[in-house]
Each structure stands twice: as structure tokens, then as C-alpha cells.
């Protein structure tokens, strides 16, 4: 399937899901894809967005500092102020004694590292995706290297699979997870990131 700009321009709501660890790419898409009706974010960019909104995310902040992510804090503050279509996580989850523990963005435990979006966020993101006319799933919403933190991405992927409109995958990890779950979608390949990254309507 050929992906062109008219596809994104003429089908609404257009939902863009951003995650993974490529902060620069996520920020670029946040700046330029202002035609997206709703942007759902998770992964590192989600945590950075929470800091930008003034949330104390405990030990997660130290992790972002080690990864060099905090240098983009000023930029994401500007992006969040400029684009009101961005939805941040309502809650996240961490692991304790082998179990998922949800925590709202207002009550982070100081010494815990979160690895996935929480249950309220999963429910919200699923509802948005189910009602989209075009969905681009651009990488994972949590630390999917750990099985316990794969739930958020898989649950939203299941909603993505149930949607019968235009659906696209962009990102190595999310592509592998979609393949593993035999998720059906319209396109995944080099043309999609090109179409996304070269939006003429800045």
C-alpha cells in the first residue's frame, strides 16, 4: 500500500501513538504532526512529558538523566504548550514481588522505576484507538524487554487490531510484537516513516 499525505489529511480522527526510546524522533513528530487529532504517548517521551508538566516521577527522573533525556525537557515543555492534542499517561506501573503495581502520576514511590503505562491509561488509550479512522503505532509504550511490562503495549495493540480502519506500524519493537500476536494492519515499511517525517503541513 502506498502511503501519501492525503491519507492522513482526509481521515479523522487521525491518532498517532508515540513511545520507545528514540526521543529525538518522537519530539520531531510531536512538533510537526499537528494534523494528528490525538497523540498518545508512552515510553521515555511519556515520562519526559510528565516531568515537563511538573510531576515528581521519583527514581524515573534519575533514569532519564542517565540516558541523557533531560536535555530535551525545555523542548517538550514548549511542544506540550503548543499542541493541546497530546495525551499523557494518567498512571504508570512498577514491579514489586513479581507483580504489576499501578501508581497515579500524583503519587510516585520515590525509589521505584516504572516500566509501563498503568490500567487507567491503557483503558483510555484503547478507547481512543478503537474510534480512530487512521492509527499510526510508532513504537512501544513500556519496557517490553521485561514480560511484566508488555501488557500496556499488547492491550493497546489488541484494540488496534479490532479497529477496521487504516492502521500502520512504525518501529522495530512494535513490529515484532505485532507479528508475534498476528496483528493485522495495512502497512509497515520504509515509506511510512518517510511519509510521517516529511509532513508538508507544518
C-alpha atoms as a PDB file:
ATOM      1  CA  UNK A   1       0.000   0.000   0.000  1.00  0.00           C
ATOM      2  CA  UNK A   2       1.340   3.448  -0.929  1.00  0.00           C
ATOM      3  CA  UNK A   3       1.214   5.917   1.935  1.00  0.00           C
ATOM      4  CA  UNK A   4       0.630   9.536   0.955  1.00  0.00           C
ATOM      5  CA  UNK A   5      -0.164  12.724   2.825  1.00  0.00           C
ATOM      6  CA  UNK A   6      -3.808  12.803   1.714  1.00  0.00           C
ATOM      7  CA  UNK A   7      -4.452   9.642   3.721  1.00  0.00           C
ATOM      8  CA  UNK A   8      -3.604  11.463   6.956  1.00  0.00           C
ATOM      9  CA  UNK A   9      -5.288  14.699   5.867  1.00  0.00           C
ATOM     10  CA  UNK A  10      -8.625  13.228   4.806  1.00  0.00           C
ATOM     11  CA  UNK A  11      -9.339  10.642   7.507  1.00  0.00           C
ATOM     12  CA  UNK A  12     -10.200  11.745  11.028  1.00  0.00           C
ATOM     13  CA  UNK A  13      -9.670  11.193  13.827  1.00  0.00           C
ATOM     14  CA  UNK A  14      -6.024  10.552  12.963  1.00  0.00           C
ATOM     15  CA  UNK A  15      -4.374   9.014  16.049  1.00  0.00           C
ATOM     16  CA  UNK A  16      -0.610   8.891  16.491  1.00  0.00           C
ATOM     17  CA  UNK A  17       0.898   6.690  19.219  1.00  0.00           C
ATOM     18  CA  UNK A  18       4.461   7.539  20.244  1.00  0.00           C
ATOM     19  CA  UNK A  19       6.739   5.523  22.502  1.00  0.00           C
ATOM     20  CA  UNK A  20      10.031   3.693  22.559  1.00  0.00           C
ATOM     21  CA  UNK A  21      13.383   5.263  23.351  1.00  0.00           C
ATOM     22  CA  UNK A  22      14.074   7.490  20.328  1.00  0.00           C
ATOM     23  CA  UNK A  23      13.408  10.841  21.982  1.00  0.00           C
ATOM     24  CA  UNK A  24      14.615  12.953  19.057  1.00  0.00           C
ATOM     25  CA  UNK A  25      12.312  11.222  16.611  1.00  0.00           C
ATOM     26  CA  UNK A  26       9.342  11.439  18.980  1.00  0.00           C
ATOM     27  CA  UNK A  27       9.924  15.145  19.557  1.00  0.00           C
ATOM     28  CA  UNK A  28      10.183  15.754  15.832  1.00  0.00           C
ATOM     29  CA  UNK A  29       6.837  14.057  15.274  1.00  0.00           C
ATOM     30  CA  UNK A  30       5.272  15.965  18.170  1.00  0.00           C
ATOM     31  CA  UNK A  31       6.450  19.240  16.623  1.00  0.00           C
ATOM     32  CA  UNK A  32       5.469  18.513  13.039  1.00  0.00           C
ATOM     33  CA  UNK A  33       2.415  16.243  13.083  1.00  0.00           C
ATOM     34  CA  UNK A  34      -0.005  18.920  14.178  1.00  0.00           C
ATOM     35  CA  UNK A  35      -2.524  17.359  11.812  1.00  0.00           C
ATOM     36  CA  UNK A  36      -2.889  14.428  14.231  1.00  0.00           C
ATOM     37  CA  UNK A  37      -6.171  14.790  16.102  1.00  0.00           C
ATOM     38  CA  UNK A  38      -4.904  12.854  19.126  1.00  0.00           C
ATOM     39  CA  UNK A  39      -1.354  11.913  20.106  1.00  0.00           C
ATOM     40  CA  UNK A  40      -0.969   9.216  22.758  1.00  0.00           C
ATOM     41  CA  UNK A  41       2.470   8.978  24.321  1.00  0.00           C
ATOM     42  CA  UNK A  42       4.290   6.439  26.457  1.00  0.00           C
ATOM     43  CA  UNK A  43       7.812   5.131  26.855  1.00  0.00           C
ATOM     44  CA  UNK A  44      10.586   7.623  27.595  1.00  0.00           C
ATOM     45  CA  UNK A  45       8.805  10.505  25.891  1.00  0.00           C
ATOM     46  CA  UNK A  46       5.804   9.888  28.149  1.00  0.00           C
ATOM     47  CA  UNK A  47       7.926  10.131  31.284  1.00  0.00           C
ATOM     48  CA  UNK A  48       9.649  13.258  29.990  1.00  0.00           C
ATOM     49  CA  UNK A  49       6.246  14.797  29.328  1.00  0.00           C
ATOM     50  CA  UNK A  50       5.151  14.093  32.894  1.00  0.00           C
ATOM     51  CA  UNK A  51       8.232  15.861  34.259  1.00  0.00           C
ATOM     52  CA  UNK A  52       7.519  18.796  31.943  1.00  0.00           C
ATOM     53  CA  UNK A  53       4.033  19.020  33.460  1.00  0.00           C
ATOM     54  CA  UNK A  54       5.511  19.242  36.951  1.00  0.00           C
ATOM     55  CA  UNK A  55       5.010  15.662  38.149  1.00  0.00           C
ATOM     56  CA  UNK A  56       7.563  14.162  40.527  1.00  0.00           C
ATOM     57  CA  UNK A  57       8.297  10.768  38.982  1.00  0.00           C
ATOM     58  CA  UNK A  58      10.733   9.615  41.651  1.00  0.00           C
ATOM     59  CA  UNK A  59      13.649   7.430  40.560  1.00  0.00           C
ATOM     60  CA  UNK A  60      12.448   7.540  36.949  1.00  0.00           C
ATOM     61  CA  UNK A  61      13.913  11.033  36.720  1.00  0.00           C
ATOM     62  CA  UNK A  62      17.383   9.717  37.600  1.00  0.00           C
ATOM     63  CA  UNK A  63      16.996   7.061  34.900  1.00  0.00           C
ATOM     64  CA  UNK A  64      16.119   9.698  32.309  1.00  0.00           C
ATOM     65  CA  UNK A  65      19.105  11.750  33.413  1.00  0.00           C
ATOM     66  CA  UNK A  66      21.441   8.776  32.897  1.00  0.00           C
ATOM     67  CA  UNK A  67      20.021   8.258  29.405  1.00  0.00           C
ATOM     68  CA  UNK A  68      20.590  11.921  28.528  1.00  0.00           C
ATOM     69  CA  UNK A  69      16.866  12.540  28.088  1.00  0.00           C
ATOM     70  CA  UNK A  70      16.501  15.518  30.431  1.00  0.00           C
ATOM     71  CA  UNK A  71      18.370  17.760  27.997  1.00  0.00           C
ATOM     72  CA  UNK A  72      15.159  17.778  25.943  1.00  0.00           C
ATOM     73  CA  UNK A  73      12.991  18.987  28.833  1.00  0.00           C
ATOM     74  CA  UNK A  74      12.747  22.594  27.650  1.00  0.00           C
ATOM     75  CA  UNK A  75      11.772  21.465  24.166  1.00  0.00           C
ATOM     76  CA  UNK A  76       8.970  19.183  25.303  1.00  0.00           C
ATOM     77  CA  UNK A  77       7.608  21.904  27.588  1.00  0.00           C
ATOM     78  CA  UNK A  78       7.248  24.104  24.527  1.00  0.00           C
ATOM     79  CA  UNK A  79       5.700  21.272  22.483  1.00  0.00           C
ATOM     80  CA  UNK A  80       3.119  20.471  25.177  1.00  0.00           C
ATOM     81  CA  UNK A  81       2.173  24.132  25.462  1.00  0.00           C
ATOM     82  CA  UNK A  82       1.868  24.466  21.684  1.00  0.00           C
ATOM     83  CA  UNK A  83      -0.078  21.251  20.959  1.00  0.00           C
ATOM     84  CA  UNK A  84      -3.205  20.551  23.002  1.00  0.00           C
ATOM     85  CA  UNK A  85      -3.883  17.219  21.277  1.00  0.00           C
ATOM     86  CA  UNK A  86      -1.191  15.354  23.229  1.00  0.00           C
ATOM     87  CA  UNK A  87      -2.433  12.937  25.899  1.00  0.00           C
ATOM     88  CA  UNK A  88      -0.047  11.975  28.709  1.00  0.00           C
ATOM     89  CA  UNK A  89      -0.317   8.825  30.862  1.00  0.00           C
ATOM     90  CA  UNK A  90      -2.712   9.020  33.815  1.00  0.00           C
ATOM     91  CA  UNK A  91      -0.852   6.273  35.660  1.00  0.00           C
ATOM     92  CA  UNK A  92       2.167   4.007  35.308  1.00  0.00           C
ATOM     93  CA  UNK A  93       3.169   0.689  36.825  1.00  0.00           C
ATOM     94  CA  UNK A  94       6.206  -0.740  38.542  1.00  0.00           C
ATOM     95  CA  UNK A  95       7.153  -4.256  39.609  1.00  0.00           C
ATOM     96  CA  UNK A  96       7.064  -5.440  43.207  1.00  0.00           C
ATOM     97  CA  UNK A  97       7.486  -9.093  44.198  1.00  0.00           C
ATOM     98  CA  UNK A  98       6.839 -10.134  40.630  1.00  0.00           C
ATOM     99  CA  UNK A  99       3.526  -8.243  40.426  1.00  0.00           C
ATOM    100  CA  UNK A 100       2.412  -5.172  38.484  1.00  0.00           C
ATOM    101  CA  UNK A 101       1.645  -2.260  40.797  1.00  0.00           C
ATOM    102  CA  UNK A 102      -0.227   0.758  39.441  1.00  0.00           C
ATOM    103  CA  UNK A 103       0.542   4.257  40.613  1.00  0.00           C
ATOM    104  CA  UNK A 104      -1.084   7.514  39.525  1.00  0.00           C
ATOM    105  CA  UNK A 105       1.083  10.336  38.233  1.00  0.00           C
ATOM    106  CA  UNK A 106       0.434  12.169  41.514  1.00  0.00           C
ATOM    107  CA  UNK A 107       1.816   9.502  43.858  1.00  0.00           C
ATOM    108  CA  UNK A 108       5.053   8.050  42.551  1.00  0.00           C
ATOM    109  CA  UNK A 109       7.010   5.922  45.051  1.00  0.00           C
ATOM    110  CA  UNK A 110      10.367   7.610  45.444  1.00  0.00           C
ATOM    111  CA  UNK A 111      12.563   4.543  44.951  1.00  0.00           C
ATOM    112  CA  UNK A 112      10.683   2.654  42.231  1.00  0.00           C
ATOM    113  CA  UNK A 113      11.340   2.587  38.489  1.00  0.00           C
ATOM    114  CA  UNK A 114       8.170   2.331  36.412  1.00  0.00           C
ATOM    115  CA  UNK A 115       8.187   0.258  33.251  1.00  0.00           C
ATOM    116  CA  UNK A 116       4.766   0.534  31.636  1.00  0.00           C
ATOM    117  CA  UNK A 117       1.606   2.591  31.369  1.00  0.00           C
ATOM    118  CA  UNK A 118      -0.998   1.795  34.025  1.00  0.00           C
ATOM    119  CA  UNK A 119      -4.520   0.389  33.841  1.00  0.00           C
ATOM    120  CA  UNK A 120      -6.386   3.704  33.585  1.00  0.00           C
ATOM    121  CA  UNK A 121      -4.087   4.823  30.801  1.00  0.00           C
ATOM    122  CA  UNK A 122      -4.471   1.501  28.991  1.00  0.00           C
ATOM    123  CA  UNK A 123      -8.271   1.843  29.100  1.00  0.00           C
ATOM    124  CA  UNK A 124      -8.144   5.424  27.856  1.00  0.00           C
ATOM    125  CA  UNK A 125      -5.719   4.673  25.010  1.00  0.00           C
ATOM    126  CA  UNK A 126      -7.715   1.615  23.914  1.00  0.00           C
ATOM    127  CA  UNK A 127     -10.893   3.679  23.673  1.00  0.00           C
ATOM    128  CA  UNK A 128      -9.160   6.312  21.544  1.00  0.00           C
ATOM    129  CA  UNK A 129      -7.655   3.710  19.205  1.00  0.00           C
ATOM    130  CA  UNK A 130     -10.944   1.848  18.758  1.00  0.00           C
ATOM    131  CA  UNK A 131     -12.566   5.031  17.439  1.00  0.00           C
ATOM    132  CA  UNK A 132      -9.752   6.168  15.126  1.00  0.00           C
ATOM    133  CA  UNK A 133     -10.051   6.423  11.349  1.00  0.00           C
ATOM    134  CA  UNK A 134      -6.270   6.317  10.917  1.00  0.00           C
ATOM    135  CA  UNK A 135      -3.870   4.984  13.554  1.00  0.00           C
ATOM    136  CA  UNK A 136      -0.086   5.053  13.414  1.00  0.00           C
ATOM    137  CA  UNK A 137       1.513   2.969  16.179  1.00  0.00           C
ATOM    138  CA  UNK A 138       5.063   4.258  16.423  1.00  0.00           C
ATOM    139  CA  UNK A 139       6.897   2.012  18.870  1.00  0.00           C
ATOM    140  CA  UNK A 140       6.209   0.530  22.271  1.00  0.00           C
ATOM    141  CA  UNK A 141       4.609   2.090  25.360  1.00  0.00           C
ATOM    142  CA  UNK A 142       6.783   0.441  28.025  1.00  0.00           C
ATOM    143  CA  UNK A 143       9.927  -1.534  28.758  1.00  0.00           C
ATOM    144  CA  UNK A 144       8.870  -4.554  26.717  1.00  0.00           C
ATOM    145  CA  UNK A 145      12.189  -6.313  27.323  1.00  0.00           C
ATOM    146  CA  UNK A 146      10.526  -7.428  30.575  1.00  0.00           C
ATOM    147  CA  UNK A 147       7.415  -9.582  30.207  1.00  0.00           C
ATOM    148  CA  UNK A 148       5.658  -7.903  33.106  1.00  0.00           C
ATOM    149  CA  UNK A 149       5.823  -4.545  31.316  1.00  0.00           C
ATOM    150  CA  UNK A 150       4.467  -5.741  27.965  1.00  0.00           C
ATOM    151  CA  UNK A 151       0.797  -5.509  28.972  1.00  0.00           C
ATOM    152  CA  UNK A 152       0.242  -1.868  28.039  1.00  0.00           C
ATOM    153  CA  UNK A 153       1.605  -2.263  24.537  1.00  0.00           C
ATOM    154  CA  UNK A 154      -0.154  -5.584  23.923  1.00  0.00           C
ATOM    155  CA  UNK A 155      -3.520  -4.324  25.236  1.00  0.00           C
ATOM    156  CA  UNK A 156      -3.422  -1.227  23.031  1.00  0.00           C
ATOM    157  CA  UNK A 157      -2.271  -3.415  20.132  1.00  0.00           C
ATOM    158  CA  UNK A 158      -5.353  -5.585  20.639  1.00  0.00           C
ATOM    159  CA  UNK A 159      -7.573  -2.501  20.334  1.00  0.00           C
ATOM    160  CA  UNK A 160      -5.554  -1.514  17.268  1.00  0.00           C
ATOM    161  CA  UNK A 161      -6.284  -4.961  15.824  1.00  0.00           C
ATOM    162  CA  UNK A 162     -10.035  -4.606  16.451  1.00  0.00           C
ATOM    163  CA  UNK A 163     -10.176  -1.308  14.575  1.00  0.00           C
ATOM    164  CA  UNK A 164     -11.222  -1.863  10.940  1.00  0.00           C
ATOM    165  CA  UNK A 165      -9.950   1.440   9.540  1.00  0.00           C
ATOM    166  CA  UNK A 166      -6.469   2.453   8.308  1.00  0.00           C
ATOM    167  CA  UNK A 167      -3.716   1.097  10.578  1.00  0.00           C
ATOM    168  CA  UNK A 168       0.052   1.431  10.354  1.00  0.00           C
ATOM    169  CA  UNK A 169       3.030   0.170  12.337  1.00  0.00           C
ATOM    170  CA  UNK A 170       6.296   2.074  12.597  1.00  0.00           C
ATOM    171  CA  UNK A 171       9.178   0.833  14.762  1.00  0.00           C
ATOM    172  CA  UNK A 172      11.213  -2.335  15.128  1.00  0.00           C
ATOM    173  CA  UNK A 173       9.969  -3.475  18.548  1.00  0.00           C
ATOM    174  CA  UNK A 174       6.311  -2.746  17.893  1.00  0.00           C
ATOM    175  CA  UNK A 175       6.566  -4.518  14.529  1.00  0.00           C
ATOM    176  CA  UNK A 176       7.929  -7.640  16.213  1.00  0.00           C
ATOM    177  CA  UNK A 177       5.193  -7.586  18.861  1.00  0.00           C
ATOM    178  CA  UNK A 178       2.507  -7.167  16.221  1.00  0.00           C
ATOM    179  CA  UNK A 179       3.953 -10.064  14.244  1.00  0.00           C
ATOM    180  CA  UNK A 180       4.086 -12.239  17.371  1.00  0.00           C
ATOM    181  CA  UNK A 181       0.411 -11.540  18.121  1.00  0.00           C
ATOM    182  CA  UNK A 182      -0.543 -11.856  14.429  1.00  0.00           C
ATOM    183  CA  UNK A 183      -1.940  -8.342  14.460  1.00  0.00           C
ATOM    184  CA  UNK A 184      -3.395  -7.228  11.132  1.00  0.00           C
ATOM    185  CA  UNK A 185      -2.515  -3.799   9.762  1.00  0.00           C
ATOM    186  CA  UNK A 186      -2.248  -2.014   6.427  1.00  0.00           C
ATOM    187  CA  UNK A 187       1.405  -1.165   6.128  1.00  0.00           C
ATOM    188  CA  UNK A 188       4.804  -1.289   7.787  1.00  0.00           C
ATOM    189  CA  UNK A 189       7.943  -0.284   5.962  1.00  0.00           C
ATOM    190  CA  UNK A 190      10.311   2.447   4.897  1.00  0.00           C
ATOM    191  CA  UNK A 191       7.672   4.573   3.125  1.00  0.00           C
ATOM    192  CA  UNK A 192       5.672   5.085   6.308  1.00  0.00           C
ATOM    193  CA  UNK A 193       8.332   6.880   8.383  1.00  0.00           C
ATOM    194  CA  UNK A 194       9.197   8.923   5.287  1.00  0.00           C
ATOM    195  CA  UNK A 195       5.560   9.971   4.909  1.00  0.00           C
ATOM    196  CA  UNK A 196       5.355  10.761   8.612  1.00  0.00           C
ATOM    197  CA  UNK A 197       8.631  12.633   8.874  1.00  0.00           C
ATOM    198  CA  UNK A 198       8.045  14.777   5.799  1.00  0.00           C
ATOM    199  CA  UNK A 199       4.668  16.269   6.568  1.00  0.00           C
ATOM    200  CA  UNK A 200       4.283  19.298   4.289  1.00  0.00           C
ATOM    201  CA  UNK A 201       1.722  20.971   6.573  1.00  0.00           C
ATOM    202  CA  UNK A 202       3.922  22.086   9.430  1.00  0.00           C
END
